């Protein structure tokens, strides 16, 4: 089903691709907005590094919502991707609040990334979650290790421009130059 309607009764569209003819989104359902928390319960954009443990908690916080259940109902559990997370969880939180995530992230001040997780935006959230668990269980990356993960580590806004992309790449480059202790994982 395709639709140009972006909101329906306060619900956000669940997009599963783009129409090849006119570039419009393919809307397969609608999800209730993810719950908002106060600014104090959010990490500010300067806190771009979080622990593996906190990363797992962030994903679980998304999974534990009616928004996630609607995404799974519309797309299937393994087809919910990072575009969905950004659209339904990250962007609504960064818009106007400067916050990054749906749960409290500790202020790590000048903490350095000990690991970088690179992912495909169209990649499965569940598969990425499984890979992060594998990283901890089989590659000896401690749950307390600080990671840089684009979706939760960089401010997400609806109006991304070239400067935002360039700044994200500069930040990633700086983190790579620091030679993270546990390396870079591509999932």
N, C-alpha and C. Protein backbone atom coordinates (compact mmCIF):
# COMPACT_ATOMS: atom_id res chain seq x y z
N UNK A 1 0.85 -1.17 0.00
CA UNK A 1 0.00 0.00 0.00
C UNK A 1 0.89 1.22 0.00
N UNK A 2 0.64 2.18 -0.84
CA UNK A 2 1.41 3.42 -0.86
C UNK A 2 0.52 4.55 -0.37
N UNK A 3 1.16 5.54 0.18
CA UNK A 3 0.41 6.67 0.71
C UNK A 3 1.32 7.87 0.80
N UNK A 4 0.76 9.05 0.58
CA UNK A 4 1.54 10.26 0.77
C UNK A 4 1.22 10.88 2.13
N UNK A 5 0.31 10.26 2.86
CA UNK A 5 -0.08 10.75 4.18
C UNK A 5 1.00 10.39 5.20
N UNK A 6 1.58 11.39 5.87
CA UNK A 6 2.65 11.11 6.81
C UNK A 6 2.15 10.84 8.21
N UNK A 7 1.00 11.30 8.55
CA UNK A 7 0.44 11.02 9.87
C UNK A 7 -1.00 10.60 9.72
N UNK A 8 -1.42 9.68 10.54
CA UNK A 8 -2.81 9.26 10.52
C UNK A 8 -3.25 9.11 11.97
N UNK A 9 -4.16 9.96 12.39
CA UNK A 9 -4.65 9.94 13.76
C UNK A 9 -3.51 9.99 14.77
N UNK A 10 -2.46 10.77 14.48
CA UNK A 10 -1.34 10.92 15.38
C UNK A 10 -0.32 9.78 15.31
N UNK A 11 -0.53 8.82 14.43
CA UNK A 11 0.39 7.70 14.29
C UNK A 11 1.37 7.98 13.16
N UNK A 12 2.60 7.50 13.32
CA UNK A 12 3.65 7.69 12.33
C UNK A 12 3.61 6.56 11.31
N UNK A 13 3.90 6.84 10.04
CA UNK A 13 3.88 5.79 9.02
C UNK A 13 5.03 4.81 9.20
N UNK A 14 4.78 3.57 8.85
CA UNK A 14 5.83 2.55 8.80
C UNK A 14 6.17 2.40 7.33
N UNK A 15 7.40 2.77 6.98
CA UNK A 15 7.82 2.79 5.58
C UNK A 15 8.64 1.55 5.27
N UNK A 16 8.30 0.92 4.17
CA UNK A 16 9.02 -0.28 3.73
C UNK A 16 9.47 -0.11 2.29
N UNK A 17 10.31 0.88 2.06
CA UNK A 17 10.83 1.14 0.73
C UNK A 17 10.21 2.37 0.09
N UNK A 18 10.59 2.57 -1.18
CA UNK A 18 10.16 3.77 -1.91
C UNK A 18 9.64 3.37 -3.27
N UNK A 19 8.56 4.01 -3.70
CA UNK A 19 7.94 3.74 -4.99
C UNK A 19 8.90 4.15 -6.10
N UNK A 20 9.21 3.21 -7.00
CA UNK A 20 10.15 3.49 -8.09
C UNK A 20 9.61 4.52 -9.08
N UNK A 21 8.30 4.60 -9.24
CA UNK A 21 7.72 5.52 -10.22
C UNK A 21 7.80 6.98 -9.79
N UNK A 22 7.40 7.25 -8.55
CA UNK A 22 7.34 8.65 -8.14
C UNK A 22 8.17 8.98 -6.89
N UNK A 23 8.88 8.00 -6.34
CA UNK A 23 9.73 8.24 -5.18
C UNK A 23 8.98 8.38 -3.87
N UNK A 24 7.69 8.14 -3.87
CA UNK A 24 6.92 8.26 -2.63
C UNK A 24 7.18 7.04 -1.74
N UNK A 25 7.01 7.21 -0.44
CA UNK A 25 7.24 6.09 0.47
C UNK A 25 6.16 5.02 0.31
N UNK A 26 6.56 3.78 0.53
CA UNK A 26 5.60 2.68 0.57
C UNK A 26 5.25 2.50 2.04
N UNK A 27 4.04 2.88 2.39
CA UNK A 27 3.59 2.83 3.77
C UNK A 27 2.85 1.51 3.99
N UNK A 28 3.36 0.70 4.94
CA UNK A 28 2.77 -0.62 5.18
C UNK A 28 1.98 -0.67 6.48
N UNK A 29 1.92 0.42 7.19
CA UNK A 29 1.17 0.48 8.44
C UNK A 29 1.49 1.77 9.17
N UNK A 30 0.98 1.88 10.37
CA UNK A 30 1.22 3.06 11.19
C UNK A 30 1.56 2.63 12.60
N UNK A 31 2.47 3.37 13.23
CA UNK A 31 2.91 3.06 14.59
C UNK A 31 2.61 4.24 15.51
N UNK A 32 2.23 3.94 16.73
CA UNK A 32 2.06 5.05 17.68
C UNK A 32 3.42 5.67 17.94
N UNK A 33 3.45 6.97 18.21
CA UNK A 33 4.75 7.60 18.50
C UNK A 33 5.40 6.92 19.71
N UNK A 34 6.72 6.75 19.65
CA UNK A 34 7.45 6.18 20.78
C UNK A 34 7.33 7.13 21.96
N UNK A 35 7.31 6.60 23.16
CA UNK A 35 7.16 7.48 24.33
C UNK A 35 8.33 8.43 24.45
N UNK A 36 8.02 9.67 24.81
CA UNK A 36 9.06 10.67 25.03
C UNK A 36 9.39 10.70 26.51
N UNK A 37 10.65 10.99 26.79
CA UNK A 37 11.06 11.18 28.17
C UNK A 37 11.58 12.60 28.31
N UNK A 38 11.74 13.03 29.54
CA UNK A 38 12.19 14.40 29.75
C UNK A 38 13.62 14.59 29.28
N UNK A 39 13.97 15.84 29.05
CA UNK A 39 15.33 16.16 28.58
C UNK A 39 16.38 15.62 29.54
N UNK A 40 16.09 15.62 30.84
CA UNK A 40 17.06 15.14 31.81
C UNK A 40 17.31 13.63 31.65
N UNK A 41 16.34 12.92 31.11
CA UNK A 41 16.50 11.47 30.95
C UNK A 41 17.20 11.11 29.65
N UNK A 42 17.56 12.11 28.88
CA UNK A 42 18.23 11.87 27.60
C UNK A 42 19.71 12.21 27.69
N UNK A 43 20.46 11.62 26.80
CA UNK A 43 21.87 12.00 26.67
C UNK A 43 21.94 13.20 25.75
N UNK A 44 22.79 14.13 26.05
CA UNK A 44 23.00 15.23 25.14
C UNK A 44 23.94 14.78 24.04
N UNK A 45 23.91 15.48 22.92
CA UNK A 45 24.70 15.06 21.77
C UNK A 45 26.19 14.98 22.05
N UNK A 46 26.67 15.74 23.03
CA UNK A 46 28.10 15.67 23.34
C UNK A 46 28.50 14.32 23.93
N UNK A 47 27.53 13.56 24.44
CA UNK A 47 27.81 12.24 25.00
C UNK A 47 27.65 11.20 23.90
N UNK A 48 28.61 11.20 22.98
CA UNK A 48 28.49 10.34 21.80
C UNK A 48 28.98 8.92 22.04
N UNK A 49 29.53 8.63 23.20
CA UNK A 49 30.09 7.32 23.49
C UNK A 49 29.25 6.68 24.59
N UNK A 50 28.88 5.43 24.41
CA UNK A 50 28.12 4.73 25.43
C UNK A 50 28.63 3.31 25.57
N UNK A 51 28.35 2.69 26.71
CA UNK A 51 28.83 1.33 26.95
C UNK A 51 28.00 0.34 26.14
N UNK A 52 28.59 -0.84 25.90
CA UNK A 52 27.86 -1.92 25.22
C UNK A 52 26.59 -2.21 26.01
N UNK A 53 26.72 -2.26 27.31
CA UNK A 53 25.59 -2.53 28.20
C UNK A 53 24.46 -1.52 27.97
N UNK A 54 24.83 -0.24 27.86
CA UNK A 54 23.83 0.81 27.63
C UNK A 54 23.26 0.70 26.22
N UNK A 55 24.09 0.32 25.25
CA UNK A 55 23.61 0.10 23.87
C UNK A 55 22.53 -0.97 23.88
N UNK A 56 22.78 -2.06 24.60
CA UNK A 56 21.80 -3.14 24.68
C UNK A 56 20.52 -2.63 25.34
N UNK A 57 20.67 -1.82 26.38
CA UNK A 57 19.49 -1.26 27.06
C UNK A 57 18.71 -0.33 26.13
N UNK A 58 19.41 0.42 25.28
CA UNK A 58 18.74 1.30 24.33
C UNK A 58 17.89 0.50 23.35
N UNK A 59 18.47 -0.55 22.80
CA UNK A 59 17.73 -1.39 21.85
C UNK A 59 16.54 -2.02 22.57
N UNK A 60 16.76 -2.53 23.78
CA UNK A 60 15.67 -3.16 24.53
C UNK A 60 14.57 -2.15 24.84
N UNK A 61 14.94 -0.90 25.13
CA UNK A 61 13.94 0.14 25.40
C UNK A 61 13.07 0.36 24.16
N UNK A 62 13.66 0.29 22.99
CA UNK A 62 12.89 0.43 21.74
C UNK A 62 11.95 -0.78 21.58
N UNK A 63 12.50 -1.98 21.80
CA UNK A 63 11.74 -3.22 21.63
C UNK A 63 10.54 -3.28 22.57
N UNK A 64 10.66 -2.68 23.74
CA UNK A 64 9.61 -2.74 24.75
C UNK A 64 8.49 -1.72 24.56
N UNK A 65 8.34 -1.18 23.36
CA UNK A 65 7.31 -0.17 23.11
C UNK A 65 6.23 -0.67 22.17
N UNK A 66 5.09 -0.01 22.21
CA UNK A 66 4.01 -0.29 21.26
C UNK A 66 4.46 0.07 19.84
N UNK A 67 5.35 1.06 19.73
CA UNK A 67 5.87 1.46 18.43
C UNK A 67 6.60 0.28 17.79
N UNK A 68 7.46 -0.38 18.55
CA UNK A 68 8.21 -1.53 18.03
C UNK A 68 7.24 -2.65 17.63
N UNK A 69 6.26 -2.92 18.47
CA UNK A 69 5.29 -3.99 18.15
C UNK A 69 4.57 -3.69 16.84
N UNK A 70 4.25 -2.42 16.60
CA UNK A 70 3.59 -2.06 15.34
C UNK A 70 4.55 -2.25 14.16
N UNK A 71 5.82 -1.92 14.34
CA UNK A 71 6.81 -2.14 13.29
C UNK A 71 6.93 -3.63 12.96
N UNK A 72 7.00 -4.46 13.98
CA UNK A 72 7.11 -5.91 13.78
C UNK A 72 5.86 -6.45 13.11
N UNK A 73 4.70 -5.99 13.54
CA UNK A 73 3.45 -6.45 12.92
C UNK A 73 3.40 -6.10 11.44
N UNK A 74 3.89 -4.92 11.09
CA UNK A 74 3.82 -4.46 9.70
C UNK A 74 4.92 -5.04 8.82
N UNK A 75 6.12 -5.23 9.37
CA UNK A 75 7.27 -5.60 8.54
C UNK A 75 7.83 -6.99 8.83
N UNK A 76 7.62 -7.49 10.03
CA UNK A 76 8.25 -8.73 10.48
C UNK A 76 9.45 -8.39 11.34
N UNK A 77 9.73 -9.24 12.33
CA UNK A 77 10.76 -8.96 13.33
C UNK A 77 12.14 -8.69 12.72
N UNK A 78 12.55 -9.48 11.75
CA UNK A 78 13.89 -9.32 11.19
C UNK A 78 13.97 -8.26 10.10
N UNK A 79 12.85 -7.65 9.74
CA UNK A 79 12.87 -6.61 8.71
C UNK A 79 12.81 -5.21 9.30
N UNK A 80 12.67 -5.08 10.61
CA UNK A 80 12.75 -3.77 11.25
C UNK A 80 14.22 -3.37 11.17
N UNK A 81 14.49 -2.21 10.55
CA UNK A 81 15.87 -1.82 10.30
C UNK A 81 16.22 -0.51 11.02
N UNK A 82 17.48 -0.09 10.83
CA UNK A 82 17.96 1.11 11.52
C UNK A 82 17.32 2.38 10.99
N UNK A 83 16.84 2.37 9.76
CA UNK A 83 16.05 3.51 9.29
C UNK A 83 14.80 3.66 10.14
N UNK A 84 14.17 2.53 10.49
CA UNK A 84 12.99 2.56 11.37
C UNK A 84 13.35 3.12 12.74
N UNK A 85 14.47 2.68 13.29
CA UNK A 85 14.89 3.17 14.61
C UNK A 85 15.13 4.68 14.56
N UNK A 86 15.82 5.13 13.53
CA UNK A 86 16.06 6.57 13.42
C UNK A 86 14.76 7.34 13.23
N UNK A 87 13.88 6.82 12.38
CA UNK A 87 12.63 7.51 12.07
C UNK A 87 11.69 7.56 13.28
N UNK A 88 11.60 6.46 14.01
CA UNK A 88 10.61 6.37 15.09
C UNK A 88 11.17 6.63 16.48
N UNK A 89 12.48 6.45 16.68
CA UNK A 89 13.03 6.59 18.02
C UNK A 89 14.08 7.70 18.13
N UNK A 90 15.07 7.75 17.26
CA UNK A 90 16.15 8.74 17.40
C UNK A 90 15.73 10.14 16.98
N UNK A 91 15.22 10.29 15.76
CA UNK A 91 14.88 11.62 15.25
C UNK A 91 13.83 12.32 16.12
N UNK A 92 12.74 11.65 16.51
CA UNK A 92 11.78 12.37 17.35
C UNK A 92 12.39 12.87 18.65
N UNK A 93 13.42 12.22 19.13
CA UNK A 93 14.05 12.63 20.37
C UNK A 93 15.07 13.73 20.18
N UNK A 94 15.71 13.81 19.03
CA UNK A 94 16.71 14.85 18.84
C UNK A 94 16.08 16.14 18.38
N UNK A 95 14.93 16.05 17.73
CA UNK A 95 14.26 17.24 17.25
C UNK A 95 13.81 18.08 18.44
N UNK A 96 14.28 19.28 18.51
CA UNK A 96 13.93 20.27 19.53
C UNK A 96 14.53 19.98 20.91
N UNK A 97 15.01 18.77 21.20
CA UNK A 97 15.49 18.50 22.55
C UNK A 97 17.00 18.36 22.63
N UNK A 98 17.66 18.12 21.49
CA UNK A 98 19.10 17.91 21.53
C UNK A 98 19.47 16.56 22.12
N UNK A 99 18.50 15.68 22.30
CA UNK A 99 18.76 14.40 22.95
C UNK A 99 19.01 13.31 21.92
N UNK A 100 19.67 12.26 22.34
CA UNK A 100 20.07 11.22 21.43
C UNK A 100 19.18 9.99 21.50
N UNK A 101 18.74 9.60 22.65
CA UNK A 101 18.18 8.26 22.78
C UNK A 101 16.94 8.21 23.65
N UNK A 102 16.35 7.02 23.72
CA UNK A 102 15.09 6.86 24.43
C UNK A 102 15.25 6.51 25.90
N UNK A 103 16.46 6.25 26.33
CA UNK A 103 16.69 6.01 27.75
C UNK A 103 17.90 6.81 28.20
N UNK A 104 18.07 6.91 29.49
CA UNK A 104 19.17 7.67 30.05
C UNK A 104 20.51 7.04 29.67
N UNK A 105 21.42 7.86 29.18
CA UNK A 105 22.78 7.42 28.87
C UNK A 105 23.71 8.18 29.80
N UNK A 106 24.61 7.46 30.44
CA UNK A 106 25.50 8.11 31.39
C UNK A 106 26.33 9.17 30.68
N UNK A 107 26.67 10.24 31.40
CA UNK A 107 27.54 11.27 30.83
C UNK A 107 28.96 10.75 30.95
N UNK A 108 29.56 10.44 29.83
CA UNK A 108 30.90 9.88 29.81
C UNK A 108 31.97 10.95 29.65
N UNK A 109 31.58 12.20 29.63
CA UNK A 109 32.54 13.27 29.50
C UNK A 109 33.47 13.05 28.32
N UNK A 110 34.73 12.85 28.60
CA UNK A 110 35.74 12.67 27.55
C UNK A 110 36.04 11.20 27.29
N UNK A 111 35.14 10.29 27.62
CA UNK A 111 35.39 8.87 27.40
C UNK A 111 35.73 8.62 25.94
N UNK A 112 36.67 7.72 25.72
CA UNK A 112 37.08 7.37 24.37
C UNK A 112 36.37 6.10 23.95
N UNK A 113 36.05 6.04 22.68
CA UNK A 113 35.44 4.83 22.15
C UNK A 113 36.47 3.71 22.18
N UNK A 114 36.10 2.58 22.75
CA UNK A 114 36.97 1.41 22.77
C UNK A 114 36.61 0.46 21.64
N UNK A 115 35.53 0.78 20.96
CA UNK A 115 35.04 -0.07 19.88
C UNK A 115 34.13 0.77 18.98
N UNK A 116 34.16 0.47 17.70
CA UNK A 116 33.27 1.13 16.76
C UNK A 116 32.40 0.05 16.14
N UNK A 117 31.10 0.30 16.09
CA UNK A 117 30.18 -0.62 15.43
C UNK A 117 29.64 0.10 14.20
N UNK A 118 29.96 -0.43 13.03
CA UNK A 118 29.46 0.11 11.77
C UNK A 118 28.36 -0.81 11.27
N UNK A 119 27.32 -0.25 10.72
CA UNK A 119 26.17 -1.03 10.31
C UNK A 119 25.56 -0.43 9.06
N UNK A 120 24.73 -1.20 8.41
CA UNK A 120 23.97 -0.69 7.26
C UNK A 120 22.65 -0.15 7.78
N UNK A 121 22.28 1.05 7.35
CA UNK A 121 21.02 1.64 7.82
C UNK A 121 19.81 0.77 7.48
N UNK A 122 19.91 0.01 6.40
CA UNK A 122 18.82 -0.88 6.03
C UNK A 122 18.96 -2.25 6.65
N UNK A 123 19.95 -2.41 7.54
CA UNK A 123 20.19 -3.70 8.18
C UNK A 123 19.23 -3.97 9.33
N UNK A 124 19.01 -5.23 9.57
CA UNK A 124 18.10 -5.68 10.62
C UNK A 124 18.61 -5.29 12.01
N UNK A 125 17.73 -4.71 12.81
CA UNK A 125 18.07 -4.37 14.18
C UNK A 125 18.32 -5.64 14.98
N UNK A 126 17.48 -6.65 14.77
CA UNK A 126 17.63 -7.92 15.50
C UNK A 126 18.97 -8.57 15.15
N UNK A 127 19.32 -8.60 13.88
CA UNK A 127 20.60 -9.19 13.48
C UNK A 127 21.77 -8.41 14.07
N UNK A 128 21.67 -7.07 14.10
CA UNK A 128 22.73 -6.26 14.70
C UNK A 128 22.84 -6.55 16.19
N UNK A 129 21.70 -6.63 16.86
CA UNK A 129 21.67 -6.96 18.29
C UNK A 129 22.36 -8.30 18.53
N UNK A 130 22.06 -9.29 17.70
CA UNK A 130 22.69 -10.61 17.83
C UNK A 130 24.20 -10.51 17.62
N UNK A 131 24.63 -9.69 16.67
CA UNK A 131 26.06 -9.51 16.41
C UNK A 131 26.75 -8.84 17.59
N UNK A 132 26.09 -7.88 18.22
CA UNK A 132 26.68 -7.22 19.40
C UNK A 132 26.80 -8.24 20.54
N UNK A 133 25.79 -9.08 20.71
CA UNK A 133 25.88 -10.14 21.73
C UNK A 133 27.06 -11.07 21.42
N UNK A 134 27.24 -11.41 20.14
CA UNK A 134 28.35 -12.25 19.71
C UNK A 134 29.69 -11.57 19.99
N UNK A 135 29.75 -10.27 19.77
CA UNK A 135 30.95 -9.49 20.02
C UNK A 135 31.36 -9.63 21.49
N UNK A 136 30.38 -9.61 22.38
CA UNK A 136 30.65 -9.72 23.81
C UNK A 136 30.98 -11.17 24.18
N UNK A 137 30.20 -12.11 23.69
CA UNK A 137 30.34 -13.51 24.10
C UNK A 137 31.51 -14.24 23.46
N UNK A 138 31.89 -13.88 22.23
CA UNK A 138 32.91 -14.63 21.52
C UNK A 138 34.17 -13.84 21.18
N UNK A 139 34.09 -12.52 21.21
CA UNK A 139 35.26 -11.71 20.87
C UNK A 139 35.79 -10.95 22.08
N UNK A 140 35.27 -11.29 23.24
CA UNK A 140 35.77 -10.77 24.52
C UNK A 140 35.74 -9.25 24.64
N UNK A 141 34.74 -8.64 24.05
CA UNK A 141 34.54 -7.21 24.26
C UNK A 141 33.67 -7.09 25.51
N UNK A 142 34.19 -6.47 26.58
CA UNK A 142 33.40 -6.39 27.81
C UNK A 142 32.16 -5.52 27.64
N UNK A 143 31.12 -5.84 28.40
CA UNK A 143 29.89 -5.04 28.34
C UNK A 143 30.11 -3.60 28.78
N UNK A 144 31.17 -3.38 29.52
CA UNK A 144 31.47 -2.03 30.00
C UNK A 144 32.27 -1.21 28.99
N UNK A 145 32.71 -1.85 27.90
CA UNK A 145 33.48 -1.14 26.87
C UNK A 145 32.63 -0.04 26.26
N UNK A 146 33.23 1.10 26.01
CA UNK A 146 32.53 2.22 25.39
C UNK A 146 32.56 2.08 23.88
N UNK A 147 31.38 2.22 23.26
CA UNK A 147 31.27 2.04 21.81
C UNK A 147 30.76 3.32 21.15
N UNK A 148 31.13 3.44 19.88
CA UNK A 148 30.56 4.47 19.03
C UNK A 148 29.66 3.73 18.05
N UNK A 149 28.38 4.09 18.04
CA UNK A 149 27.40 3.49 17.15
C UNK A 149 26.59 4.63 16.57
N UNK A 150 26.66 4.81 15.26
CA UNK A 150 26.11 5.99 14.60
C UNK A 150 24.69 6.35 15.03
N UNK A 151 23.77 5.41 15.03
CA UNK A 151 22.38 5.74 15.28
C UNK A 151 22.14 6.32 16.67
N UNK A 152 22.88 5.84 17.68
CA UNK A 152 22.71 6.33 19.03
C UNK A 152 23.79 7.33 19.43
N UNK A 153 24.83 7.45 18.62
CA UNK A 153 25.98 8.25 19.04
C UNK A 153 26.07 9.62 18.40
N UNK A 154 25.31 9.87 17.37
CA UNK A 154 25.37 11.16 16.68
C UNK A 154 23.97 11.74 16.65
N UNK A 155 23.87 13.05 16.85
CA UNK A 155 22.56 13.70 16.81
C UNK A 155 21.85 13.37 15.50
N UNK A 156 20.62 12.96 15.59
CA UNK A 156 19.82 12.68 14.40
C UNK A 156 18.78 13.79 14.29
N UNK A 157 18.66 14.37 13.13
CA UNK A 157 17.64 15.38 12.90
C UNK A 157 16.93 15.09 11.60
N UNK A 158 15.75 15.60 11.45
CA UNK A 158 15.00 15.36 10.23
C UNK A 158 15.59 16.13 9.06
N UNK A 159 16.25 17.23 9.33
CA UNK A 159 16.79 18.07 8.27
C UNK A 159 18.30 17.91 8.19
N UNK A 160 18.74 16.77 7.69
CA UNK A 160 20.17 16.50 7.56
C UNK A 160 20.69 17.20 6.32
N UNK A 161 21.79 17.94 6.49
CA UNK A 161 22.40 18.58 5.33
C UNK A 161 23.85 18.12 5.20
N UNK A 162 24.54 18.62 4.19
CA UNK A 162 25.92 18.20 3.94
C UNK A 162 26.83 18.46 5.13
N UNK A 163 26.60 19.56 5.87
CA UNK A 163 27.43 19.86 7.03
C UNK A 163 27.25 18.80 8.12
N UNK A 164 26.01 18.32 8.32
CA UNK A 164 25.75 17.28 9.31
C UNK A 164 26.50 16.00 8.95
N UNK A 165 26.44 15.64 7.68
CA UNK A 165 27.12 14.43 7.21
C UNK A 165 28.62 14.59 7.37
N UNK A 166 29.14 15.75 6.96
CA UNK A 166 30.58 16.00 7.08
C UNK A 166 31.03 15.95 8.54
N UNK A 167 30.25 16.56 9.44
CA UNK A 167 30.60 16.54 10.87
C UNK A 167 30.58 15.12 11.42
N UNK A 168 29.62 14.30 10.98
CA UNK A 168 29.56 12.91 11.42
C UNK A 168 30.80 12.15 10.96
N UNK A 169 31.22 12.39 9.72
CA UNK A 169 32.40 11.71 9.19
C UNK A 169 33.67 12.18 9.90
N UNK A 170 33.73 13.46 10.23
CA UNK A 170 34.88 13.99 10.97
C UNK A 170 34.96 13.32 12.34
N UNK A 171 33.81 13.23 13.03
CA UNK A 171 33.77 12.58 14.34
C UNK A 171 34.21 11.13 14.23
N UNK A 172 33.70 10.39 13.25
CA UNK A 172 34.08 9.00 13.06
C UNK A 172 35.58 8.90 12.77
N UNK A 173 36.11 9.80 11.93
CA UNK A 173 37.53 9.81 11.63
C UNK A 173 38.39 10.02 12.87
N UNK A 174 37.96 10.93 13.73
CA UNK A 174 38.70 11.19 14.98
C UNK A 174 38.71 9.97 15.87
N UNK A 175 37.59 9.28 15.93
CA UNK A 175 37.51 8.09 16.77
C UNK A 175 38.41 6.99 16.20
N UNK A 176 38.41 6.82 14.89
CA UNK A 176 39.28 5.82 14.26
C UNK A 176 40.75 6.14 14.53
N UNK A 177 41.12 7.42 14.46
CA UNK A 177 42.51 7.84 14.72
C UNK A 177 42.95 7.48 16.14
N UNK A 178 42.00 7.37 17.07
CA UNK A 178 42.33 7.02 18.45
C UNK A 178 42.62 5.52 18.61
N UNK A 179 42.46 4.76 17.53
CA UNK A 179 42.72 3.32 17.53
C UNK A 179 41.99 2.61 18.68
N UNK A 180 40.68 2.46 18.53
CA UNK A 180 39.89 1.84 19.60
C UNK A 180 40.45 0.47 20.01
N UNK A 181 40.56 0.28 21.31
CA UNK A 181 41.15 -0.91 21.91
C UNK A 181 40.56 -2.23 21.37
N UNK A 182 39.25 -2.27 21.16
CA UNK A 182 38.59 -3.50 20.71
C UNK A 182 38.29 -3.50 19.23
N UNK A 183 38.76 -2.48 18.53
CA UNK A 183 38.66 -2.47 17.08
C UNK A 183 37.33 -1.98 16.53
N UNK A 184 37.11 -2.33 15.27
CA UNK A 184 35.92 -1.93 14.54
C UNK A 184 35.18 -3.19 14.11
N UNK A 185 33.90 -3.23 14.39
CA UNK A 185 33.06 -4.36 13.98
C UNK A 185 32.10 -3.86 12.92
N UNK A 186 32.04 -4.56 11.83
CA UNK A 186 31.11 -4.23 10.73
C UNK A 186 30.02 -5.28 10.76
N UNK A 187 28.79 -4.84 10.97
CA UNK A 187 27.66 -5.79 11.04
C UNK A 187 26.68 -5.54 9.91
